[in-house]
Amino acid sequence: MANQFKGTIRLDIRDSVPEWDPFLQPQAPEGAPNILILVWDDVGHGAMDVFGGPIDRVVVDVSGEAYIDFEKQVTAWVMRD
């Protein structure tokens, strides 16, 4: 079921009351951490410079003073017949 409309609709628009809640930007709770997750699809094993590839990772390295570098990620290879 759809969310219940919390405004008021009257015959004259001047007597109506809008509901702006569905149009407001969502707000993070107070004290919520700032987390940025980068997901790079179809990059390949040897694409990053740390593995000898041509993609320079300097943007990732300088994007934050403290970050987690997942060195042991899981990669699923799909082979077609």
PDB file of N, CA and C in Angstrom:
ATOM      1  N   MET A   1       0.842  -1.171   0.000  1.00  0.00           N
ATOM      2  CA  MET A   1       0.000   0.000   0.000  1.00  0.00           C
ATOM      3  C   MET A   1       0.891   1.239   0.000  1.00  0.00           C
ATOM      4  N   ALA A   2       0.472   2.268  -0.688  1.00  0.00           N
ATOM      5  CA  ALA A   2       1.228   3.517  -0.759  1.00  0.00           C
ATOM      6  C   ALA A   2       1.169   4.244   0.579  1.00  0.00           C
ATOM      7  N   ASN A   3       2.120   5.158   0.776  1.00  0.00           N
ATOM      8  CA  ASN A   3       2.128   5.961   2.001  1.00  0.00           C
ATOM      9  C   ASN A   3       0.894   6.855   2.054  1.00  0.00           C
ATOM     10  N   GLN A   4       0.397   7.063   3.242  1.00  0.00           N
ATOM     11  CA  GLN A   4      -0.780   7.891   3.452  1.00  0.00           C
ATOM     12  C   GLN A   4      -0.417   9.361   3.247  1.00  0.00           C
ATOM     13  N   PHE A   5      -1.240  10.095   2.483  1.00  0.00           N
ATOM     14  CA  PHE A   5      -1.037  11.528   2.258  1.00  0.00           C
ATOM     15  C   PHE A   5      -1.367  12.279   3.539  1.00  0.00           C
ATOM     16  N   LYS A   6      -0.417  13.105   4.007  1.00  0.00           N
ATOM     17  CA  LYS A   6      -0.588  13.803   5.285  1.00  0.00           C
ATOM     18  C   LYS A   6      -1.030  15.253   5.118  1.00  0.00           C
ATOM     19  N   GLY A   7      -1.194  15.699   3.893  1.00  0.00           N
ATOM     20  CA  GLY A   7      -1.657  17.065   3.656  1.00  0.00           C
ATOM     21  C   GLY A   7      -3.175  17.141   3.698  1.00  0.00           C
ATOM     22  N   THR A   8      -3.696  18.297   3.320  1.00  0.00           N
ATOM     23  CA  THR A   8      -5.138  18.510   3.274  1.00  0.00           C
ATOM     24  C   THR A   8      -5.503  19.074   1.911  1.00  0.00           C
ATOM     25  N   ILE A   9      -6.469  18.450   1.244  1.00  0.00           N
ATOM     26  CA  ILE A   9      -6.932  18.921  -0.059  1.00  0.00           C
ATOM     27  C   ILE A   9      -8.335  19.496   0.116  1.00  0.00           C
ATOM     28  N   ARG A  10      -8.477  20.767  -0.215  1.00  0.00           N
ATOM     29  CA  ARG A  10      -9.765  21.458  -0.115  1.00  0.00           C
ATOM     30  C   ARG A  10     -10.211  21.892  -1.510  1.00  0.00           C
ATOM     31  N   LEU A  11     -11.432  22.308  -1.633  1.00  0.00           N
ATOM     32  CA  LEU A  11     -11.975  22.770  -2.901  1.00  0.00           C
ATOM     33  C   LEU A  11     -11.221  23.998  -3.395  1.00  0.00           C
ATOM     34  N   ASP A  12     -10.877  24.902  -2.506  1.00  0.00           N
ATOM     35  CA  ASP A  12     -10.092  26.097  -2.842  1.00  0.00           C
ATOM     36  C   ASP A  12      -8.631  25.815  -2.471  1.00  0.00           C
ATOM     37  N   ILE A  13      -7.734  26.018  -3.428  1.00  0.00           N
ATOM     38  CA  ILE A  13      -6.319  25.719  -3.196  1.00  0.00           C
ATOM     39  C   ILE A  13      -5.736  26.514  -2.034  1.00  0.00           C
ATOM     40  N   ARG A  14      -6.286  27.677  -1.780  1.00  0.00           N
ATOM     41  CA  ARG A  14      -5.786  28.519  -0.681  1.00  0.00           C
ATOM     42  C   ARG A  14      -6.081  27.905   0.683  1.00  0.00           C
ATOM     43  N   ASP A  15      -7.025  26.998   0.727  1.00  0.00           N
ATOM     44  CA  ASP A  15      -7.361  26.325   1.988  1.00  0.00           C
ATOM     45  C   ASP A  15      -6.659  24.973   2.119  1.00  0.00           C
ATOM     46  N   SER A  16      -5.950  24.550   1.077  1.00  0.00           N
ATOM     47  CA  SER A  16      -5.256  23.264   1.092  1.00  0.00           C
ATOM     48  C   SER A  16      -3.911  23.386   1.807  1.00  0.00           C
ATOM     49  N   VAL A  17      -3.431  22.269   2.321  1.00  0.00           N
ATOM     50  CA  VAL A  17      -2.137  22.218   3.010  1.00  0.00           C
ATOM     51  C   VAL A  17      -1.291  21.146   2.325  1.00  0.00           C
ATOM     52  N   PRO A  18      -0.123  21.531   1.767  1.00  0.00           N
ATOM     53  CA  PRO A  18       0.706  20.542   1.081  1.00  0.00           C
ATOM     54  C   PRO A  18       1.490  19.673   2.068  1.00  0.00           C
ATOM     55  N   GLU A  19       1.947  18.554   1.567  1.00  0.00           N
ATOM     56  CA  GLU A  19       2.866  17.703   2.332  1.00  0.00           C
ATOM     57  C   GLU A  19       4.172  17.629   1.552  1.00  0.00           C
ATOM     58  N   TRP A  20       5.243  18.161   2.102  1.00  0.00           N
ATOM     59  CA  TRP A  20       6.522  18.214   1.397  1.00  0.00           C
ATOM     60  C   TRP A  20       7.463  17.087   1.784  1.00  0.00           C
ATOM     61  N   ASP A  21       7.115  16.254   2.741  1.00  0.00           N
ATOM     62  CA  ASP A  21       8.013  15.199   3.213  1.00  0.00           C
ATOM     63  C   ASP A  21       8.548  14.287   2.102  1.00  0.00           C
ATOM     64  N   PRO A  22       7.734  13.853   1.127  1.00  0.00           N
ATOM     65  CA  PRO A  22       8.286  12.973   0.088  1.00  0.00           C
ATOM     66  C   PRO A  22       9.351  13.641  -0.788  1.00  0.00           C
ATOM     67  N   PHE A  23       9.427  14.969  -0.778  1.00  0.00           N
ATOM     68  CA  PHE A  23      10.366  15.676  -1.638  1.00  0.00           C
ATOM     69  C   PHE A  23      11.625  16.133  -0.905  1.00  0.00           C
ATOM     70  N   LEU A  24      11.707  15.908   0.400  1.00  0.00           N
ATOM     71  CA  LEU A  24      12.866  16.326   1.177  1.00  0.00           C
ATOM     72  C   LEU A  24      14.019  15.341   0.991  1.00  0.00           C
ATOM     73  N   GLN A  25      15.248  15.856   1.029  1.00  0.00           N
ATOM     74  CA  GLN A  25      16.429  15.002   0.944  1.00  0.00           C
ATOM     75  C   GLN A  25      16.537  14.167   2.211  1.00  0.00           C
ATOM     76  N   PRO A  26      16.887  12.887   2.098  1.00  0.00           N
ATOM     77  CA  PRO A  26      17.081  12.088   3.310  1.00  0.00           C
ATOM     78  C   PRO A  26      18.281  12.606   4.103  1.00  0.00           C
ATOM     79  N   GLN A  27      18.163  12.597   5.404  1.00  0.00           N
ATOM     80  CA  GLN A  27      19.224  13.072   6.285  1.00  0.00           C
ATOM     81  C   GLN A  27      19.808  11.893   7.059  1.00  0.00           C
ATOM     82  N   ALA A  28      21.133  11.875   7.157  1.00  0.00           N
ATOM     83  CA  ALA A  28      21.799  10.844   7.950  1.00  0.00           C
ATOM     84  C   ALA A  28      21.558  11.118   9.429  1.00  0.00           C
ATOM     85  N   PRO A  29      21.475  10.069  10.230  1.00  0.00           N
ATOM     86  CA  PRO A  29      21.304  10.281  11.669  1.00  0.00           C
ATOM     87  C   PRO A  29      22.507  11.012  12.261  1.00  0.00           C
ATOM     88  N   GLU A  30      22.300  11.701  13.351  1.00  0.00           N
ATOM     89  CA  GLU A  30      23.368  12.424  14.035  1.00  0.00           C
ATOM     90  C   GLU A  30      24.462  11.442  14.457  1.00  0.00           C
ATOM     91  N   GLY A  31      25.703  11.767  14.139  1.00  0.00           N
ATOM     92  CA  GLY A  31      26.839  10.921  14.498  1.00  0.00           C
ATOM     93  C   GLY A  31      27.111   9.795  13.517  1.00  0.00           C
ATOM     94  N   ALA A  32      26.380   9.747  12.406  1.00  0.00           N
ATOM     95  CA  ALA A  32      26.617   8.692  11.413  1.00  0.00           C
ATOM     96  C   ALA A  32      27.976   8.911  10.757  1.00  0.00           C
ATOM     97  N   PRO A  33      28.737   7.840  10.502  1.00  0.00           N
ATOM     98  CA  PRO A  33      30.065   7.998   9.898  1.00  0.00           C
ATOM     99  C   PRO A  33      29.969   8.308   8.409  1.00  0.00           C
ATOM    100  N   ASN A  34      30.984   8.982   7.893  1.00  0.00           N
ATOM    101  CA  ASN A  34      31.094   9.220   6.458  1.00  0.00           C
ATOM    102  C   ASN A  34      31.784   8.020   5.836  1.00  0.00           C
ATOM    103  N   ILE A  35      31.096   7.335   4.957  1.00  0.00           N
ATOM    104  CA  ILE A  35      31.649   6.145   4.315  1.00  0.00           C
ATOM    105  C   ILE A  35      31.477   6.290   2.812  1.00  0.00           C
ATOM    106  N   LEU A  36      32.549   6.067   2.091  1.00  0.00           N
ATOM    107  CA  LEU A  36      32.521   6.082   0.634  1.00  0.00           C
ATOM    108  C   LEU A  36      32.950   4.710   0.152  1.00  0.00           C
ATOM    109  N   ILE A  37      32.089   4.051  -0.601  1.00  0.00           N
ATOM    110  CA  ILE A  37      32.398   2.730  -1.137  1.00  0.00           C
ATOM    111  C   ILE A  37      32.526   2.863  -2.639  1.00  0.00           C
ATOM    112  N   LEU A  38      33.677   2.490  -3.160  1.00  0.00           N
ATOM    113  CA  LEU A  38      33.908   2.510  -4.601  1.00  0.00           C
ATOM    114  C   LEU A  38      33.776   1.094  -5.135  1.00  0.00           C
ATOM    115  N   VAL A  39      32.940   0.922  -6.122  1.00  0.00           N
ATOM    116  CA  VAL A  39      32.778  -0.371  -6.773  1.00  0.00           C
ATOM    117  C   VAL A  39      33.128  -0.183  -8.235  1.00  0.00           C
ATOM    118  N   TRP A  40      34.203  -0.798  -8.649  1.00  0.00           N
ATOM    119  CA  TRP A  40      34.643  -0.695 -10.042  1.00  0.00           C
ATOM    120  C   TRP A  40      34.354  -2.015 -10.728  1.00  0.00           C
ATOM    121  N   ASP A  41      33.465  -1.978 -11.677  1.00  0.00           N
ATOM    122  CA  ASP A  41      33.070  -3.180 -12.394  1.00  0.00           C
ATOM    123  C   ASP A  41      33.920  -3.333 -13.645  1.00  0.00           C
ATOM    124  N   ASP A  42      34.266  -4.541 -13.977  1.00  0.00           N
ATOM    125  CA  ASP A  42      35.023  -4.875 -15.191  1.00  0.00           C
ATOM    126  C   ASP A  42      36.375  -4.173 -15.264  1.00  0.00           C
ATOM    127  N   VAL A  43      37.043  -4.016 -14.133  1.00  0.00           N
ATOM    128  CA  VAL A  43      38.358  -3.376 -14.137  1.00  0.00           C
ATOM    129  C   VAL A  43      39.425  -4.377 -14.546  1.00  0.00           C
ATOM    130  N   GLY A  44      39.331  -5.592 -14.073  1.00  0.00           N
ATOM    131  CA  GLY A  44      40.327  -6.604 -14.411  1.00  0.00           C
ATOM    132  C   GLY A  44      41.397  -6.710 -13.341  1.00  0.00           C
ATOM    133  N   HIS A  45      42.065  -7.863 -13.298  1.00  0.00           N
ATOM    134  CA  HIS A  45      43.064  -8.124 -12.265  1.00  0.00           C
ATOM    135  C   HIS A  45      44.274  -7.212 -12.373  1.00  0.00           C
ATOM    136  N   GLY A  46      44.839  -7.062 -13.554  1.00  0.00           N
ATOM    137  CA  GLY A  46      46.071  -6.309 -13.711  1.00  0.00           C
ATOM    138  C   GLY A  46      45.886  -4.872 -14.129  1.00  0.00           C
ATOM    139  N   ALA A  47      44.701  -4.311 -13.937  1.00  0.00           N
ATOM    140  CA  ALA A  47      44.453  -2.952 -14.413  1.00  0.00           C
ATOM    141  C   ALA A  47      45.049  -1.884 -13.501  1.00  0.00           C
ATOM    142  N   MET A  48      45.048  -2.100 -12.191  1.00  0.00           N
ATOM    143  CA  MET A  48      45.553  -1.100 -11.253  1.00  0.00           C
ATOM    144  C   MET A  48      47.074  -1.057 -11.252  1.00  0.00           C
ATOM    145  N   ASP A  49      47.609   0.128 -10.946  1.00  0.00           N
ATOM    146  CA  ASP A  49      49.059   0.304 -10.954  1.00  0.00           C
ATOM    147  C   ASP A  49      49.761  -0.539  -9.896  1.00  0.00           C
ATOM    148  N   VAL A  50      49.068  -0.870  -8.797  1.00  0.00           N
ATOM    149  CA  VAL A  50      49.709  -1.699  -7.771  1.00  0.00           C
ATOM    150  C   VAL A  50      49.969  -3.113  -8.267  1.00  0.00           C
ATOM    151  N   PHE A  51      49.272  -3.526  -9.314  1.00  0.00           N
ATOM    152  CA  PHE A  51      49.492  -4.836  -9.916  1.00  0.00           C
ATOM    153  C   PHE A  51      50.244  -4.729 -11.233  1.00  0.00           C
ATOM    154  N   GLY A  52      50.803  -3.544 -11.524  1.00  0.00           N
ATOM    155  CA  GLY A  52      51.563  -3.352 -12.753  1.00  0.00           C
ATOM    156  C   GLY A  52      50.746  -2.857 -13.920  1.00  0.00           C
ATOM    157  N   GLY A  53      49.504  -2.495 -13.694  1.00  0.00           N
ATOM    158  CA  GLY A  53      48.630  -2.053 -14.773  1.00  0.00           C
ATOM    159  C   GLY A  53      48.736  -0.569 -15.055  1.00  0.00           C
ATOM    160  N   PRO A  54      48.026  -0.095 -16.076  1.00  0.00           N
ATOM    161  CA  PRO A  54      48.124   1.299 -16.504  1.00  0.00           C
ATOM    162  C   PRO A  54      47.267   2.291 -15.709  1.00  0.00           C
ATOM    163  N   ILE A  55      46.336   1.827 -14.878  1.00  0.00           N
ATOM    164  CA  ILE A  55      45.455   2.744 -14.161  1.00  0.00           C
ATOM    165  C   ILE A  55      46.150   3.229 -12.898  1.00  0.00           C
ATOM    166  N   ASP A  56      46.417   4.541 -12.843  1.00  0.00           N
ATOM    167  CA  ASP A  56      47.087   5.149 -11.699  1.00  0.00           C
ATOM    168  C   ASP A  56      46.092   5.298 -10.558  1.00  0.00           C
ATOM    169  N   ARG A  57      46.470   4.839  -9.401  1.00  0.00           N
ATOM    170  CA  ARG A  57      45.584   4.841  -8.249  1.00  0.00           C
ATOM    171  C   ARG A  57      45.807   6.049  -7.352  1.00  0.00           C
ATOM    172  N   VAL A  58      46.460   7.097  -7.859  1.00  0.00           N
ATOM    173  CA  VAL A  58      46.781   8.252  -7.024  1.00  0.00           C
ATOM    174  C   VAL A  58      45.532   8.950  -6.504  1.00  0.00           C
ATOM    175  N   VAL A  59      44.454   8.953  -7.274  1.00  0.00           N
ATOM    176  CA  VAL A  59      43.215   9.593  -6.825  1.00  0.00           C
ATOM    177  C   VAL A  59      42.661   8.865  -5.612  1.00  0.00           C
ATOM    178  N   VAL A  60      42.721   7.556  -5.622  1.00  0.00           N
ATOM    179  CA  VAL A  60      42.251   6.781  -4.481  1.00  0.00           C
ATOM    180  C   VAL A  60      43.188   6.981  -3.299  1.00  0.00           C
ATOM    181  N   ASP A  61      44.491   7.041  -3.553  1.00  0.00           N
ATOM    182  CA  ASP A  61      45.465   7.173  -2.472  1.00  0.00           C
ATOM    183  C   ASP A  61      45.365   8.502  -1.749  1.00  0.00           C
ATOM    184  N   VAL A  62      45.056   9.588  -2.453  1.00  0.00           N
ATOM    185  CA  VAL A  62      45.011  10.904  -1.814  1.00  0.00           C
ATOM    186  C   VAL A  62      43.597  11.349  -1.465  1.00  0.00           C
ATOM    187  N   SER A  63      42.604  10.499  -1.696  1.00  0.00           N
ATOM    188  CA  SER A  63      41.224  10.912  -1.454  1.00  0.00           C
ATOM    189  C   SER A  63      40.893  11.012   0.028  1.00  0.00           C
ATOM    190  N   GLY A  64      41.669  10.400   0.875  1.00  0.00           N
ATOM    191  CA  GLY A  64      41.419  10.503   2.313  1.00  0.00           C
ATOM    192  C   GLY A  64      42.684  10.200   3.085  1.00  0.00           C
ATOM    193  N   GLU A  65      42.786  10.779   4.265  1.00  0.00           N
ATOM    194  CA  GLU A  65      43.960  10.524   5.082  1.00  0.00           C
ATOM    195  C   GLU A  65      43.922   9.114   5.654  1.00  0.00           C
ATOM    196  N   ALA A  66      42.743   8.630   5.952  1.00  0.00           N
ATOM    197  CA  ALA A  66      42.614   7.285   6.507  1.00  0.00           C
ATOM    198  C   ALA A  66      41.573   6.531   5.696  1.00  0.00           C
ATOM    199  N   TYR A  67      41.971   5.444   5.128  1.00  0.00           N
ATOM    200  CA  TYR A  67      41.030   4.609   4.393  1.00  0.00           C
ATOM    201  C   TYR A  67      41.444   3.159   4.529  1.00  0.00           C
ATOM    202  N   ILE A  68      40.551   2.282   4.189  1.00  0.00           N
ATOM    203  CA  ILE A  68      40.834   0.854   4.239  1.00  0.00           C
ATOM    204  C   ILE A  68      41.105   0.384   2.823  1.00  0.00           C
ATOM    205  N   ASP A  69      42.214  -0.269   2.635  1.00  0.00           N
ATOM    206  CA  ASP A  69      42.568  -0.813   1.330  1.00  0.00           C
ATOM    207  C   ASP A  69      42.368  -2.323   1.394  1.00  0.00           C
ATOM    208  N   PHE A  70      41.371  -2.821   0.701  1.00  0.00           N
ATOM    209  CA  PHE A  70      41.091  -4.247   0.712  1.00  0.00           C
ATOM    210  C   PHE A  70      42.053  -4.948  -0.236  1.00  0.00           C
ATOM    211  N   GLU A  71      43.075  -5.559   0.330  1.00  0.00           N
ATOM    212  CA  GLU A  71      44.081  -6.225  -0.489  1.00  0.00           C
ATOM    213  C   GLU A  71      43.678  -7.646  -0.845  1.00  0.00           C
ATOM    214  N   LYS A  72      42.788  -8.229  -0.066  1.00  0.00           N
ATOM    215  CA  LYS A  72      42.396  -9.614  -0.307  1.00  0.00           C
ATOM    216  C   LYS A  72      40.920  -9.678  -0.677  1.00  0.00           C
ATOM    217  N   GLN A  73      40.572  -9.026  -1.764  1.00  0.00           N
ATOM    218  CA  GLN A  73      39.191  -9.044  -2.209  1.00  0.00           C
ATOM    219  C   GLN A  73      38.891 -10.363  -2.912  1.00  0.00           C
ATOM    220  N   VAL A  74      37.632 -10.671  -2.996  1.00  0.00           N
ATOM    221  CA  VAL A  74      37.196 -11.895  -3.658  1.00  0.00           C
ATOM    222  C   VAL A  74      36.698 -11.533  -5.045  1.00  0.00           C
ATOM    223  N   THR A  75      37.227 -12.205  -6.041  1.00  0.00           N
ATOM    224  CA  THR A  75      36.811 -11.970  -7.413  1.00  0.00           C
ATOM    225  C   THR A  75      36.235 -13.262  -7.970  1.00  0.00           C
ATOM    226  N   ALA A  76      35.051 -13.183  -8.518  1.00  0.00           N
ATOM    227  CA  ALA A  76      34.414 -14.356  -9.106  1.00  0.00           C
ATOM    228  C   ALA A  76      34.602 -14.309 -10.619  1.00  0.00           C
ATOM    229  N   TRP A  77      35.230 -15.316 -11.155  1.00  0.00           N
ATOM    230  CA  TRP A  77      35.432 -15.402 -12.605  1.00  0.00           C
ATOM    231  C   TRP A  77      34.300 -16.209 -13.212  1.00  0.00           C
ATOM    232  N   VAL A  78      33.756 -15.716 -14.301  1.00  0.00           N
ATOM    233  CA  VAL A  78      32.686 -16.413 -15.004  1.00  0.00           C
ATOM    234  C   VAL A  78      33.237 -16.880 -16.338  1.00  0.00           C
ATOM    235  N   MET A  79      33.163 -18.183 -16.573  1.00  0.00           N
ATOM    236  CA  MET A  79      33.656 -18.734 -17.841  1.00  0.00           C
ATOM    237  C   MET A  79      32.480 -19.310 -18.607  1.00  0.00           C
ATOM    238  N   ARG A  80      32.381 -18.920 -19.849  1.00  0.00           N
ATOM    239  CA  ARG A  80      31.303 -19.439 -20.692  1.00  0.00           C
ATOM    240  C   ARG A  80      31.801 -20.640 -21.478  1.00  0.00           C
ATOM    241  N   ASP A  81      30.877 -21.510 -21.809  1.00  0.00           N
ATOM    242  CA  ASP A  81      31.229 -22.700 -22.601  1.00  0.00           C
ATOM    243  C   ASP A  81      31.507 -22.347 -24.039  1.00  0.00           C
TER     244      ASP A  81
END
